[in-house]
C-alpha cells in the first residue's frame, strides 16, 4: 500500500494499477502472469490475461485488508463444492463491507460507505439505514436501497 493506508487510498492505488495494465506489452503481461500463477498464460488473449491479473492483484490486496470478506467467500465456495448450489442472498441484503455507493442527485454526487457493523457513513456521520441517508439527501421519504440502485424499481 501507499503511505496513506486507508481503504480508499488502497482502492485508488489498485484502480490506477489496473488501468495501467493497458499500456503493458504482452511480454510484460506474460511475465506478471508467470509471477502470479507460476505458469505461462494458458492462452494468448490479452483481455483475458489483463482481467485475471487484475483479479489476482485484488485478491492479494484484499487478503491484507479484508480477511473477513475472503473467509466469507471461501465458505461460500466450499458450500458450492459440497452442495452444487449456493444459497441466495436475501432480497435487500446490504452490500459487503467497504462498498462505496455513489448517487448523483440534483447535480451533486453523494457517496456512502458500507461499514463492517452494518451501518453506513455519509458526509462524516453514521447512519443505521440507507433510507435515513436518502431522506437526508432528498428531504423526502425514500427507499434507501431503491435510491442507491440496489433494488429493481419500476422506472429509473
C-alpha atoms as a PDB file:
ATOM      1  CA  UNK A   1       0.000   0.000   0.000  1.00  0.00           C
ATOM      2  CA  UNK A   2       0.971   3.613  -0.293  1.00  0.00           C
ATOM      3  CA  UNK A   3       1.912   5.856   2.609  1.00  0.00           C
ATOM      4  CA  UNK A   4      -1.797   6.602   3.131  1.00  0.00           C
ATOM      5  CA  UNK A   5      -3.007   3.154   4.185  1.00  0.00           C
ATOM      6  CA  UNK A   6      -6.723   3.973   4.218  1.00  0.00           C
ATOM      7  CA  UNK A   7      -9.053   1.631   2.289  1.00  0.00           C
ATOM      8  CA  UNK A   8      -9.928   4.481  -0.090  1.00  0.00           C
ATOM      9  CA  UNK A   9      -6.255   5.100  -0.870  1.00  0.00           C
ATOM     10  CA  UNK A  10      -5.670   1.377  -1.423  1.00  0.00           C
ATOM     11  CA  UNK A  11      -8.665   1.212  -3.754  1.00  0.00           C
ATOM     12  CA  UNK A  12      -7.495   4.256  -5.723  1.00  0.00           C
ATOM     13  CA  UNK A  13      -3.981   2.844  -5.951  1.00  0.00           C
ATOM     14  CA  UNK A  14      -5.322  -0.528  -7.142  1.00  0.00           C
ATOM     15  CA  UNK A  15      -7.560   1.154  -9.728  1.00  0.00           C
ATOM     16  CA  UNK A  16      -4.563   3.074 -11.078  1.00  0.00           C
ATOM     17  CA  UNK A  17      -2.508  -0.120 -11.234  1.00  0.00           C
ATOM     18  CA  UNK A  18      -5.250  -1.948 -13.113  1.00  0.00           C
ATOM     19  CA  UNK A  19      -5.776   0.950 -15.516  1.00  0.00           C
ATOM     20  CA  UNK A  20      -2.048   0.889 -16.246  1.00  0.00           C
ATOM     21  CA  UNK A  21      -2.217  -2.707 -17.491  1.00  0.00           C
ATOM     22  CA  UNK A  22      -3.485  -1.454 -20.862  1.00  0.00           C
ATOM     23  CA  UNK A  23      -0.065   0.105 -21.517  1.00  0.00           C
ATOM     24  CA  UNK A  24       1.867  -3.104 -20.744  1.00  0.00           C
ATOM     25  CA  UNK A  25       3.411  -5.136 -23.543  1.00  0.00           C
ATOM     26  CA  UNK A  26       2.293  -8.743 -23.991  1.00  0.00           C
ATOM     27  CA  UNK A  27       5.752  -9.822 -22.821  1.00  0.00           C
ATOM     28  CA  UNK A  28       5.312  -7.886 -19.546  1.00  0.00           C
ATOM     29  CA  UNK A  29       1.819  -9.310 -19.057  1.00  0.00           C
ATOM     30  CA  UNK A  30       3.138 -12.846 -19.576  1.00  0.00           C
ATOM     31  CA  UNK A  31       5.932 -12.254 -17.028  1.00  0.00           C
ATOM     32  CA  UNK A  32       3.437 -10.920 -14.465  1.00  0.00           C
ATOM     33  CA  UNK A  33       1.145 -13.898 -15.139  1.00  0.00           C
ATOM     34  CA  UNK A  34       4.039 -16.261 -14.510  1.00  0.00           C
ATOM     35  CA  UNK A  35       4.955 -14.430 -11.301  1.00  0.00           C
ATOM     36  CA  UNK A  36       1.361 -14.588 -10.013  1.00  0.00           C
ATOM     37  CA  UNK A  37       0.349 -18.086 -11.143  1.00  0.00           C
ATOM     38  CA  UNK A  38       3.648 -19.943 -11.578  1.00  0.00           C
ATOM     39  CA  UNK A  39       2.931 -20.942 -15.183  1.00  0.00           C
ATOM     40  CA  UNK A  40       2.758 -19.270 -18.582  1.00  0.00           C
ATOM     41  CA  UNK A  41      -0.604 -17.807 -19.647  1.00  0.00           C
ATOM     42  CA  UNK A  42      -2.842 -20.618 -20.975  1.00  0.00           C
ATOM     43  CA  UNK A  43      -3.992 -18.506 -23.940  1.00  0.00           C
ATOM     44  CA  UNK A  44      -2.625 -15.542 -25.875  1.00  0.00           C
ATOM     45  CA  UNK A  45      -5.700 -13.427 -25.238  1.00  0.00           C
ATOM     46  CA  UNK A  46      -4.708 -10.022 -23.901  1.00  0.00           C
ATOM     47  CA  UNK A  47      -8.105  -9.132 -22.368  1.00  0.00           C
ATOM     48  CA  UNK A  48      -8.252 -12.483 -20.573  1.00  0.00           C
ATOM     49  CA  UNK A  49      -4.750 -12.014 -19.161  1.00  0.00           C
ATOM     50  CA  UNK A  50      -5.416  -8.418 -18.055  1.00  0.00           C
ATOM     51  CA  UNK A  51      -8.650  -9.397 -16.287  1.00  0.00           C
ATOM     52  CA  UNK A  52      -7.115 -12.370 -14.467  1.00  0.00           C
ATOM     53  CA  UNK A  53      -4.031 -10.382 -13.425  1.00  0.00           C
ATOM     54  CA  UNK A  54      -6.242  -7.542 -12.150  1.00  0.00           C
ATOM     55  CA  UNK A  55      -8.405 -10.059 -10.291  1.00  0.00           C
ATOM     56  CA  UNK A  56      -5.387 -11.717  -8.685  1.00  0.00           C
ATOM     57  CA  UNK A  57      -3.921  -8.362  -7.635  1.00  0.00           C
ATOM     58  CA  UNK A  58      -7.201  -7.528  -5.917  1.00  0.00           C
ATOM     59  CA  UNK A  59      -7.289 -10.917  -4.193  1.00  0.00           C
ATOM     60  CA  UNK A  60      -3.811 -10.293  -2.826  1.00  0.00           C
ATOM     61  CA  UNK A  61      -4.671  -6.750  -1.691  1.00  0.00           C
ATOM     62  CA  UNK A  62      -7.927  -7.772  -0.004  1.00  0.00           C
ATOM     63  CA  UNK A  63      -6.133 -10.615   1.753  1.00  0.00           C
ATOM     64  CA  UNK A  64      -4.158  -7.868   3.511  1.00  0.00           C
ATOM     65  CA  UNK A  65      -7.036  -5.520   4.279  1.00  0.00           C
ATOM     66  CA  UNK A  66     -10.285  -7.538   4.474  1.00  0.00           C
ATOM     67  CA  UNK A  67      -9.669 -11.032   5.737  1.00  0.00           C
ATOM     68  CA  UNK A  68     -13.344 -11.439   6.751  1.00  0.00           C
ATOM     69  CA  UNK A  69     -14.511 -10.939   3.160  1.00  0.00           C
ATOM     70  CA  UNK A  70     -12.147 -13.625   1.898  1.00  0.00           C
ATOM     71  CA  UNK A  71     -13.247 -16.008   4.648  1.00  0.00           C
ATOM     72  CA  UNK A  72     -16.929 -15.479   3.735  1.00  0.00           C
ATOM     73  CA  UNK A  73     -16.142 -16.108   0.081  1.00  0.00           C
ATOM     74  CA  UNK A  74     -14.186 -19.280   0.917  1.00  0.00           C
ATOM     75  CA  UNK A  75     -17.150 -20.584   2.945  1.00  0.00           C
ATOM     76  CA  UNK A  76     -19.476 -19.868   0.011  1.00  0.00           C
ATOM     77  CA  UNK A  77     -17.124 -21.678  -2.377  1.00  0.00           C
ATOM     78  CA  UNK A  78     -16.919 -24.660  -0.005  1.00  0.00           C
ATOM     79  CA  UNK A  79     -20.745 -24.729   0.162  1.00  0.00           C
ATOM     80  CA  UNK A  80     -20.926 -24.635  -3.624  1.00  0.00           C
ATOM     81  CA  UNK A  81     -18.486 -27.534  -3.969  1.00  0.00           C
ATOM     82  CA  UNK A  82     -20.263 -29.568  -1.269  1.00  0.00           C
ATOM     83  CA  UNK A  83     -23.873 -28.987  -2.359  1.00  0.00           C
ATOM     84  CA  UNK A  84     -23.626 -27.963  -6.004  1.00  0.00           C
ATOM     85  CA  UNK A  85     -25.574 -24.759  -5.340  1.00  0.00           C
ATOM     86  CA  UNK A  86     -25.341 -21.528  -3.400  1.00  0.00           C
ATOM     87  CA  UNK A  87     -27.899 -20.108  -1.035  1.00  0.00           C
ATOM     88  CA  UNK A  88     -29.188 -16.863  -2.442  1.00  0.00           C
ATOM     89  CA  UNK A  89     -28.733 -13.592  -0.632  1.00  0.00           C
ATOM     90  CA  UNK A  90     -31.968 -12.313   0.800  1.00  0.00           C
ATOM     91  CA  UNK A  91     -33.651  -9.509  -1.117  1.00  0.00           C
ATOM     92  CA  UNK A  92     -32.462  -6.125   0.053  1.00  0.00           C
ATOM     93  CA  UNK A  93     -29.259  -7.530   1.506  1.00  0.00           C
ATOM     94  CA  UNK A  94     -26.673  -4.938   2.467  1.00  0.00           C
ATOM     95  CA  UNK A  95     -23.618  -4.811   0.169  1.00  0.00           C
ATOM     96  CA  UNK A  96     -20.367  -6.189   1.559  1.00  0.00           C
ATOM     97  CA  UNK A  97     -18.375  -4.096   4.000  1.00  0.00           C
ATOM     98  CA  UNK A  98     -16.240  -1.436   2.353  1.00  0.00           C
ATOM     99  CA  UNK A  99     -18.543  -0.991  -0.647  1.00  0.00           C
ATOM    100  CA  UNK A 100     -18.938   2.611  -1.708  1.00  0.00           C
ATOM    101  CA  UNK A 101     -22.359   3.583  -3.054  1.00  0.00           C
ATOM    102  CA  UNK A 102     -22.464   6.622  -5.327  1.00  0.00           C
ATOM    103  CA  UNK A 103     -25.573   8.511  -6.412  1.00  0.00           C
ATOM    104  CA  UNK A 104     -25.856  11.707  -8.442  1.00  0.00           C
ATOM    105  CA  UNK A 105     -28.842  13.699  -7.186  1.00  0.00           C
ATOM    106  CA  UNK A 106     -29.723  17.309  -8.022  1.00  0.00           C
ATOM    107  CA  UNK A 107     -26.345  17.734  -9.705  1.00  0.00           C
ATOM    108  CA  UNK A 108     -24.409  16.667  -6.590  1.00  0.00           C
ATOM    109  CA  UNK A 109     -22.514  13.393  -6.206  1.00  0.00           C
ATOM    110  CA  UNK A 110     -23.293  11.645  -2.914  1.00  0.00           C
ATOM    111  CA  UNK A 111     -21.006   8.878  -1.598  1.00  0.00           C
ATOM    112  CA  UNK A 112     -21.928   6.361   1.107  1.00  0.00           C
ATOM    113  CA  UNK A 113     -19.525   3.840   2.639  1.00  0.00           C
ATOM    114  CA  UNK A 114     -20.886   0.470   3.894  1.00  0.00           C
ATOM    115  CA  UNK A 115     -19.346  -0.185   7.325  1.00  0.00           C
ATOM    116  CA  UNK A 116     -18.464  -3.540   8.912  1.00  0.00           C
ATOM    117  CA  UNK A 117     -21.119  -3.273  11.622  1.00  0.00           C
ATOM    118  CA  UNK A 118     -23.997  -2.975   9.127  1.00  0.00           C
ATOM    119  CA  UNK A 119     -24.171   0.791   9.386  1.00  0.00           C
ATOM    120  CA  UNK A 120     -23.358   3.403   6.758  1.00  0.00           C
ATOM    121  CA  UNK A 121     -21.199   6.524   6.671  1.00  0.00           C
ATOM    122  CA  UNK A 122     -22.308   9.581   4.738  1.00  0.00           C
ATOM    123  CA  UNK A 123     -20.820  13.089   4.935  1.00  0.00           C
ATOM    124  CA  UNK A 124     -18.830  12.199   8.045  1.00  0.00           C
ATOM    125  CA  UNK A 125     -21.828  10.866  10.009  1.00  0.00           C
ATOM    126  CA  UNK A 126     -23.013   7.313  10.717  1.00  0.00           C
ATOM    127  CA  UNK A 127     -26.500   6.118   9.829  1.00  0.00           C
ATOM    128  CA  UNK A 128     -28.342   2.884  10.593  1.00  0.00           C
ATOM    129  CA  UNK A 129     -30.058   2.679   7.200  1.00  0.00           C
ATOM    130  CA  UNK A 130     -29.763   3.809   3.613  1.00  0.00           C
ATOM    131  CA  UNK A 131     -33.300   5.173   3.845  1.00  0.00           C
ATOM    132  CA  UNK A 132     -32.181   7.641   6.517  1.00  0.00           C
ATOM    133  CA  UNK A 133     -29.444   8.849   4.166  1.00  0.00           C
ATOM    134  CA  UNK A 134     -31.810   9.081   1.191  1.00  0.00           C
ATOM    135  CA  UNK A 135     -34.197  11.156   3.335  1.00  0.00           C
ATOM    136  CA  UNK A 136     -31.308  13.416   4.396  1.00  0.00           C
ATOM    137  CA  UNK A 137     -30.270  13.942   0.756  1.00  0.00           C
ATOM    138  CA  UNK A 138     -33.736  14.455  -0.751  1.00  0.00           C
ATOM    139  CA  UNK A 139     -35.773  15.781   2.145  1.00  0.00           C
ATOM    140  CA  UNK A 140     -38.480  13.229   1.317  1.00  0.00           C
ATOM    141  CA  UNK A 141     -39.312   9.637   2.219  1.00  0.00           C
ATOM    142  CA  UNK A 142     -37.370   7.205   0.025  1.00  0.00           C
ATOM    143  CA  UNK A 143     -36.466   3.544  -0.002  1.00  0.00           C
ATOM    144  CA  UNK A 144     -32.708   3.761   0.541  1.00  0.00           C
ATOM    145  CA  UNK A 145     -31.882   0.596  -1.443  1.00  0.00           C
ATOM    146  CA  UNK A 146     -34.021   1.855  -4.345  1.00  0.00           C
ATOM    147  CA  UNK A 147     -32.484   5.356  -4.157  1.00  0.00           C
ATOM    148  CA  UNK A 148     -28.962   3.912  -4.408  1.00  0.00           C
ATOM    149  CA  UNK A 149     -29.917   1.427  -7.160  1.00  0.00           C
ATOM    150  CA  UNK A 150     -29.642  -1.741  -5.049  1.00  0.00           C
ATOM    151  CA  UNK A 151     -33.202  -2.813  -5.759  1.00  0.00           C
ATOM    152  CA  UNK A 152     -35.025  -3.003  -9.060  1.00  0.00           C
ATOM    153  CA  UNK A 153     -37.629  -0.308  -9.287  1.00  0.00           C
ATOM    154  CA  UNK A 154     -40.446   0.379 -11.683  1.00  0.00           C
ATOM    155  CA  UNK A 155     -38.750   3.217 -13.563  1.00  0.00           C
ATOM    156  CA  UNK A 156     -35.262   4.624 -13.382  1.00  0.00           C
END
